[in-house]
Amino acid sequence: MTGSHPSALTAAIGATIVGQHDVVESLALGLIAEGHILLEGPPGVAKTLACRALAIALDGTFKRIQFTPDLLPSDIVGTRIFDQRESAFQTVLGPIFANVVLADEINRAPAKVQSALLEAMQERQVTIGPASHPLPEPFVVMATMNPLDAEGTYALPVAQMDRFLMKVEVGYPSSDEELTILERFAVARTVPQARVCSLADVAAWREGARAVHLDAKVRRYIVGIVEASRHADGIAVRGDDGTLLAASAAIDYGASPRATLALANLARARAFLDGRDFVLPDDVRGLAAAVLRHRIGFNYRLAASGVAADRVIAALVAAVPAP
């Protein structure tokens, strides 16, 4: 099993998930680039199934956490309990201690629960009582959100959103894909492919992605795109009704330096997945929306204009000369 290519992983996920090629590729890219993935889409579009299919295909540990309003931080990271027989406190580790953690409907838990994830997502460790406990390697959080049902949900903190490597929008399948879904799941029983790659394979993929060459011109291109989100003066987007919307008027704050690192790491992962040892500007352009859409603070003017956030991001990218 050692020595397999990431394409074996995407093929295993694709054998379960119908269509959603961008989602499947994004899950693999996030795993290679050592980042966490946020999937947002309406119910029933296989967000949870895609995460489960990846976890099953990976020969590692998998835990699912269903986020609810009554969830406590200790339900995620663990807690300390007093053992009367030993007259000492014992540490009970929570479900966060896994290679792949599925945070289902992550926006249904309050802020105190979200804060429990911050240390885990950034530092790859959690603190329980006086001691810090390292998380297993690899460690990736795959979270899902439903944008259609706002009742009983909480806005994710900006600091937590920034810790997601990318945000992937999951849409409805085409009519042909939906027919395939019907045949695959209603007529037959589809079982996800298990253990097509090992943890050693993931470590090798990550090492290979870090070795991909990132030219100085491409590095400046990445920095220029992120800086454009903070200084969008002179950049305009045309709405569906023909009116122009100034990008600077629709943005309250731009992306952080973490977005620069995320874009570089994902571009390297994309090149590695495609079998190249160098990054192309097209790699950066193709990933910019997934990296920036949850890191840019758009205000009410964007919603009032009817312009999609990705269209603004496309305008920001187009305003930066490519090498």
Protein backbone atom coordinates (compact mmCIF):
# COMPACT_ATOMS: atom_id res chain seq x y z
CA MET A 1 0.00 0.00 0.00
CA THR A 2 2.95 2.34 0.65
CA GLY A 3 3.97 4.38 -2.36
CA SER A 4 0.51 5.01 -3.82
CA HIS A 5 -0.24 8.27 -5.64
CA PRO A 6 -2.87 10.77 -4.42
CA SER A 7 -4.90 9.87 -7.50
CA ALA A 8 -5.67 6.55 -5.78
CA LEU A 9 -7.30 8.50 -2.96
CA THR A 10 -9.35 10.74 -5.27
CA ALA A 11 -10.40 7.69 -7.30
CA ALA A 12 -11.58 5.93 -4.13
CA ILE A 13 -13.63 8.96 -3.07
CA GLY A 14 -14.96 9.37 -6.62
CA ALA A 15 -16.12 5.76 -6.60
CA THR A 16 -18.55 6.73 -3.84
CA ILE A 17 -19.33 10.38 -4.62
CA VAL A 18 -21.07 11.09 -7.91
CA GLY A 19 -19.76 14.23 -9.62
CA GLN A 20 -18.48 16.92 -7.23
CA HIS A 21 -15.02 16.74 -8.80
CA ASP A 22 -13.97 20.04 -7.21
CA VAL A 23 -14.98 18.75 -3.78
CA VAL A 24 -13.07 15.49 -4.18
CA GLU A 25 -9.96 17.30 -5.40
CA SER A 26 -10.23 19.88 -2.61
CA LEU A 27 -10.30 17.17 0.05
CA ALA A 28 -7.13 15.65 -1.38
CA LEU A 29 -5.45 19.05 -1.69
CA GLY A 30 -6.29 19.91 1.90
CA LEU A 31 -4.83 16.63 3.11
CA ILE A 32 -1.61 17.16 1.13
CA ALA A 33 -1.30 20.84 2.09
CA GLU A 34 -1.77 20.02 5.80
CA GLY A 35 -4.87 22.16 6.21
CA HIS A 36 -8.49 22.02 7.32
CA ILE A 37 -11.45 22.15 4.94
CA LEU A 38 -14.82 23.87 5.34
CA LEU A 39 -17.60 22.49 3.11
CA GLU A 40 -20.68 24.66 2.67
CA GLY A 41 -23.75 23.58 0.76
CA PRO A 42 -27.45 22.68 1.03
CA PRO A 43 -28.55 19.44 2.70
CA GLY A 44 -28.21 16.20 0.79
CA VAL A 45 -25.32 17.08 -1.52
CA ALA A 46 -22.92 14.50 0.02
CA LYS A 47 -20.80 16.82 2.17
CA THR A 48 -20.68 14.39 5.08
CA LEU A 49 -20.42 11.36 2.79
CA ALA A 50 -17.42 12.85 1.01
CA CYS A 51 -15.59 13.35 4.31
CA ARG A 52 -16.45 9.83 5.44
CA ALA A 53 -15.30 8.38 2.12
CA LEU A 54 -11.91 10.10 2.51
CA ALA A 55 -11.54 8.88 6.08
CA ILE A 56 -12.40 5.30 5.13
CA ALA A 57 -10.00 5.37 2.16
CA LEU A 58 -7.25 6.57 4.49
CA ASP A 59 -5.77 3.93 6.79
CA GLY A 60 -6.15 6.10 9.88
CA THR A 61 -8.51 6.92 12.70
CA PHE A 62 -11.78 8.78 12.06
CA LYS A 63 -14.14 10.51 14.48
CA ARG A 64 -17.37 12.38 13.80
CA ILE A 65 -18.60 15.17 16.08
CA GLN A 66 -22.19 16.30 15.64
CA PHE A 67 -22.25 19.96 16.65
CA THR A 68 -25.34 20.96 18.66
CA PRO A 69 -26.24 23.99 20.83
CA ASP A 70 -25.74 21.99 24.04
CA LEU A 71 -22.27 20.70 23.10
CA LEU A 72 -19.50 21.44 25.62
CA PRO A 73 -15.78 22.03 24.97
CA SER A 74 -14.97 18.92 27.02
CA ASP A 75 -17.13 16.89 24.62
CA ILE A 76 -14.55 17.70 21.93
CA VAL A 77 -11.13 17.88 23.56
CA GLY A 78 -11.69 15.69 26.61
CA THR A 79 -11.66 16.27 30.36
CA ARG A 80 -10.11 15.22 33.65
CA ILE A 81 -12.02 12.98 36.05
CA PHE A 82 -11.18 12.00 39.60
CA ASP A 83 -10.51 8.30 40.10
CA GLN A 84 -11.49 7.50 43.69
CA ARG A 85 -9.71 4.15 43.67
CA GLU A 86 -6.40 5.74 42.62
CA SER A 87 -7.08 9.03 44.45
CA ALA A 88 -5.82 10.88 41.39
CA PHE A 89 -7.14 12.69 38.36
CA GLN A 90 -7.23 10.79 35.06
CA THR A 91 -7.33 12.42 31.62
CA VAL A 92 -9.99 11.22 29.22
CA LEU A 93 -9.19 12.23 25.65
CA GLY A 94 -12.03 13.48 23.42
CA PRO A 95 -12.92 12.66 19.81
CA ILE A 96 -10.59 15.40 18.52
CA PHE A 97 -7.79 12.82 18.86
CA ALA A 98 -8.09 11.28 15.39
CA ASN A 99 -6.44 11.62 12.00
CA VAL A 100 -9.64 12.83 10.33
CA VAL A 101 -12.23 14.68 12.39
CA LEU A 102 -15.61 15.44 10.83
CA ALA A 103 -17.20 18.49 12.47
CA ASP A 104 -20.74 18.09 11.17
CA GLU A 105 -22.83 21.29 11.04
CA ILE A 106 -20.08 23.18 12.83
CA ASN A 107 -22.08 26.41 13.01
CA ARG A 108 -24.69 24.90 15.34
CA ALA A 109 -22.48 25.15 18.44
CA PRO A 110 -21.87 28.34 20.46
CA ALA A 111 -18.64 30.32 20.63
CA LYS A 112 -17.23 28.56 23.71
CA VAL A 113 -17.27 25.28 21.79
CA GLN A 114 -15.75 26.86 18.68
CA SER A 115 -12.90 28.21 20.81
CA ALA A 116 -12.03 24.65 21.81
CA LEU A 117 -11.05 23.98 18.22
CA LEU A 118 -8.70 26.96 17.82
CA GLU A 119 -5.68 25.45 19.55
CA ALA A 120 -6.23 22.08 17.91
CA MET A 121 -6.52 23.48 14.39
CA GLN A 122 -3.49 25.78 14.65
CA GLU A 123 -1.10 24.13 17.10
CA ARG A 124 -2.02 20.47 16.52
CA GLN A 125 -2.39 20.02 20.25
CA VAL A 126 -4.99 20.51 22.98
CA THR A 127 -4.61 21.54 26.59
CA ILE A 128 -6.58 19.59 29.20
CA GLY A 129 -5.98 20.83 32.71
CA PRO A 130 -2.28 21.50 33.30
CA ALA A 131 -0.99 19.34 30.42
CA SER A 132 -0.87 19.73 26.63
CA HIS A 133 -1.47 16.67 24.47
CA PRO A 134 -0.23 16.43 20.86
CA LEU A 135 -2.72 15.35 18.23
CA PRO A 136 -1.97 12.45 15.87
CA GLU A 137 -0.30 13.01 12.51
CA PRO A 138 -1.78 13.63 10.08
CA PHE A 139 -4.57 15.65 11.67
CA VAL A 140 -7.24 17.35 9.58
CA VAL A 141 -10.61 18.85 10.46
CA MET A 142 -13.32 18.67 7.81
CA ALA A 143 -16.30 20.78 8.75
CA THR A 144 -19.70 21.09 7.09
CA MET A 145 -22.18 23.96 7.07
CA ASN A 146 -25.70 24.41 5.72
CA PRO A 147 -26.19 27.98 4.40
CA LEU A 148 -29.96 27.67 3.93
CA ASP A 149 -31.07 27.18 7.54
CA ALA A 150 -30.03 30.05 9.80
CA GLU A 151 -32.29 29.14 12.72
CA GLY A 152 -30.33 27.73 15.62
CA THR A 153 -26.95 28.56 14.12
CA TYR A 154 -24.05 30.75 15.27
CA ALA A 155 -21.66 32.78 13.17
CA LEU A 156 -18.19 31.26 13.23
CA PRO A 157 -15.54 33.54 14.76
CA VAL A 158 -13.26 35.27 12.26
CA ALA A 159 -10.21 33.72 13.92
CA GLN A 160 -11.62 30.24 13.41
CA MET A 161 -12.62 30.87 9.80
CA ASP A 162 -9.07 32.02 9.14
CA ARG A 163 -7.75 28.68 10.35
CA PHE A 164 -9.56 26.79 7.59
CA LEU A 165 -7.20 26.32 4.68
CA MET A 166 -10.03 26.64 2.18
CA LYS A 167 -13.78 26.91 1.94
CA VAL A 168 -15.42 24.73 -0.69
CA GLU A 169 -18.91 25.46 -1.96
CA VAL A 170 -20.87 22.30 -2.72
CA GLY A 171 -23.70 22.66 -5.23
CA TYR A 172 -26.50 20.48 -6.54
CA PRO A 173 -25.65 17.73 -9.05
CA SER A 174 -26.70 17.80 -12.69
CA SER A 175 -29.69 15.75 -13.83
CA ASP A 176 -27.44 13.01 -15.23
CA GLU A 177 -25.42 12.91 -12.01
CA GLU A 178 -28.60 12.73 -9.95
CA LEU A 179 -29.78 9.79 -12.03
CA THR A 180 -26.46 8.06 -11.33
CA ILE A 181 -26.93 8.80 -7.61
CA LEU A 182 -30.36 7.17 -7.77
CA GLU A 183 -28.96 4.07 -9.46
CA ARG A 184 -25.93 3.86 -7.17
CA PHE A 185 -27.65 4.28 -3.82
CA ALA A 186 -31.33 3.42 -4.33
CA VAL A 187 -30.91 0.36 -6.56
CA ALA A 188 -27.59 -1.02 -5.35
CA ARG A 189 -25.57 -0.76 -2.15
CA THR A 190 -22.38 1.27 -2.53
CA VAL A 191 -19.65 0.68 0.05
CA PRO A 192 -16.79 3.21 0.23
CA GLN A 193 -13.39 1.82 -0.70
CA ALA A 194 -11.31 1.25 2.41
CA ARG A 195 -7.59 1.74 3.09
CA VAL A 196 -6.34 2.57 -0.39
CA CYS A 197 -3.51 4.65 1.11
CA SER A 198 -1.59 4.70 4.35
CA LEU A 199 -0.47 7.41 6.76
CA ALA A 200 3.05 6.89 5.42
CA ASP A 201 1.73 7.74 1.94
CA VAL A 202 0.26 11.01 3.25
CA ALA A 203 3.58 11.92 4.87
CA ALA A 204 5.36 11.21 1.57
CA TRP A 205 2.84 13.33 -0.36
CA ARG A 206 3.34 16.24 2.00
CA GLU A 207 7.10 15.97 1.69
CA GLY A 208 6.78 15.89 -2.10
CA ALA A 209 4.52 18.95 -2.13
CA ARG A 210 6.96 20.92 0.04
CA ALA A 211 9.69 20.15 -2.51
CA VAL A 212 7.70 21.68 -5.39
CA HIS A 213 9.45 24.78 -6.73
CA LEU A 214 7.71 28.10 -6.09
CA ASP A 215 9.34 30.75 -8.25
CA ALA A 216 9.97 34.24 -6.84
CA LYS A 217 7.64 35.75 -9.46
CA VAL A 218 4.84 33.40 -8.45
CA ARG A 219 5.47 34.25 -4.78
CA ARG A 220 5.08 37.95 -5.56
CA TYR A 221 1.94 37.11 -7.53
CA ILE A 222 0.44 35.36 -4.48
CA VAL A 223 1.30 38.29 -2.21
CA GLY A 224 -0.18 40.72 -4.75
CA ILE A 225 -3.51 38.88 -4.83
CA VAL A 226 -3.82 38.84 -1.04
CA GLU A 227 -2.81 42.50 -0.81
CA ALA A 228 -5.47 43.37 -3.40
CA SER A 229 -8.11 42.11 -0.95
CA ARG A 230 -6.90 44.73 1.56
CA HIS A 231 -6.40 47.59 -0.91
CA ALA A 232 -9.11 47.21 -3.55
CA ASP A 233 -9.25 50.86 -4.63
CA GLY A 234 -9.89 51.23 -8.34
CA ILE A 235 -11.26 47.69 -8.75
CA ALA A 236 -14.90 47.46 -9.81
CA VAL A 237 -17.32 44.59 -10.45
CA ARG A 238 -20.26 44.79 -12.82
CA GLY A 239 -23.52 43.43 -11.44
CA ASP A 240 -26.19 41.52 -13.33
CA ASP A 241 -28.16 44.74 -13.83
CA GLY A 242 -25.14 46.43 -15.42
CA THR A 243 -24.28 48.68 -12.48
CA LEU A 244 -20.72 48.90 -11.21
CA LEU A 245 -19.84 48.03 -7.63
CA ALA A 246 -16.57 49.28 -6.21
CA ALA A 247 -14.80 46.34 -4.59
CA SER A 248 -13.43 48.57 -1.83
CA ALA A 249 -16.98 49.61 -0.89
CA ALA A 250 -18.06 45.98 -0.44
CA ILE A 251 -15.04 44.89 1.65
CA ASP A 252 -14.67 45.75 5.33
CA TYR A 253 -11.39 43.89 5.80
CA GLY A 254 -9.06 41.84 3.64
CA ALA A 255 -7.38 38.48 4.02
CA SER A 256 -4.65 37.82 6.58
CA PRO A 257 -1.07 36.64 5.93
CA ARG A 258 -2.36 33.14 6.69
CA ALA A 259 -4.15 33.37 3.33
CA THR A 260 -0.80 33.97 1.63
CA LEU A 261 0.64 30.83 3.18
CA ALA A 262 -2.51 28.85 2.38
CA LEU A 263 -2.45 29.89 -1.27
CA ALA A 264 1.22 28.96 -1.61
CA ASN A 265 0.79 25.59 0.10
CA LEU A 266 -2.29 24.71 -1.92
CA ALA A 267 -0.61 25.75 -5.19
CA ARG A 268 2.27 23.41 -4.37
CA ALA A 269 -0.20 20.64 -3.56
CA ARG A 270 -2.04 21.19 -6.86
CA ALA A 271 1.23 21.00 -8.81
CA PHE A 272 2.20 17.81 -6.95
CA LEU A 273 -1.22 16.28 -7.60
CA ASP A 274 -0.81 17.07 -11.32
CA GLY A 275 2.66 15.51 -11.37
CA ARG A 276 4.64 18.75 -11.75
CA ASP A 277 7.63 19.91 -9.70
CA PHE A 278 6.85 23.62 -10.19
CA VAL A 279 3.89 25.92 -9.57
CA LEU A 280 2.10 27.71 -12.39
CA PRO A 281 0.20 31.01 -12.09
CA ASP A 282 -2.89 29.05 -13.15
CA ASP A 283 -2.56 26.97 -9.97
CA VAL A 284 -2.76 30.16 -7.92
CA ARG A 285 -5.66 31.62 -9.91
CA GLY A 286 -7.67 28.42 -9.70
CA LEU A 287 -7.39 28.24 -5.91
CA ALA A 288 -7.76 31.93 -5.03
CA ALA A 289 -11.53 31.84 -4.50
CA ALA A 290 -11.41 28.82 -2.18
CA VAL A 291 -8.69 30.47 -0.08
CA LEU A 292 -10.17 33.99 0.06
CA ARG A 293 -13.98 33.62 0.11
CA HIS A 294 -14.11 32.96 3.87
CA ARG A 295 -11.26 35.31 4.81
CA ILE A 296 -12.50 38.55 3.22
CA GLY A 297 -15.01 40.51 5.26
CA PHE A 298 -17.78 41.42 2.82
CA ASN A 299 -20.44 43.85 4.02
CA TYR A 300 -24.11 44.49 3.28
CA ARG A 301 -23.36 46.37 0.07
CA LEU A 302 -22.37 43.13 -1.62
CA ALA A 303 -25.66 41.45 -0.72
CA ALA A 304 -27.62 44.54 -1.74
CA SER A 305 -25.96 44.63 -5.15
CA GLY A 306 -26.67 40.97 -5.86
CA VAL A 307 -23.05 40.36 -6.86
CA ALA A 308 -21.55 37.02 -5.83
CA ALA A 309 -18.50 37.12 -3.59
CA ASP A 310 -16.55 34.95 -6.01
CA ARG A 311 -17.09 37.54 -8.72
CA VAL A 312 -15.43 40.16 -6.55
CA ILE A 313 -12.55 37.79 -5.86
CA ALA A 314 -12.20 37.15 -9.60
CA ALA A 315 -11.95 40.91 -10.14
CA LEU A 316 -9.25 41.18 -7.46
CA VAL A 317 -7.26 38.38 -9.09
CA ALA A 318 -7.67 39.90 -12.55
CA ALA A 319 -6.35 43.23 -11.29
CA VAL A 320 -3.00 41.66 -10.36
CA PRO A 321 -0.66 41.12 -13.35
CA ALA A 322 0.28 37.46 -13.73
CA PRO A 323 3.96 36.54 -14.19
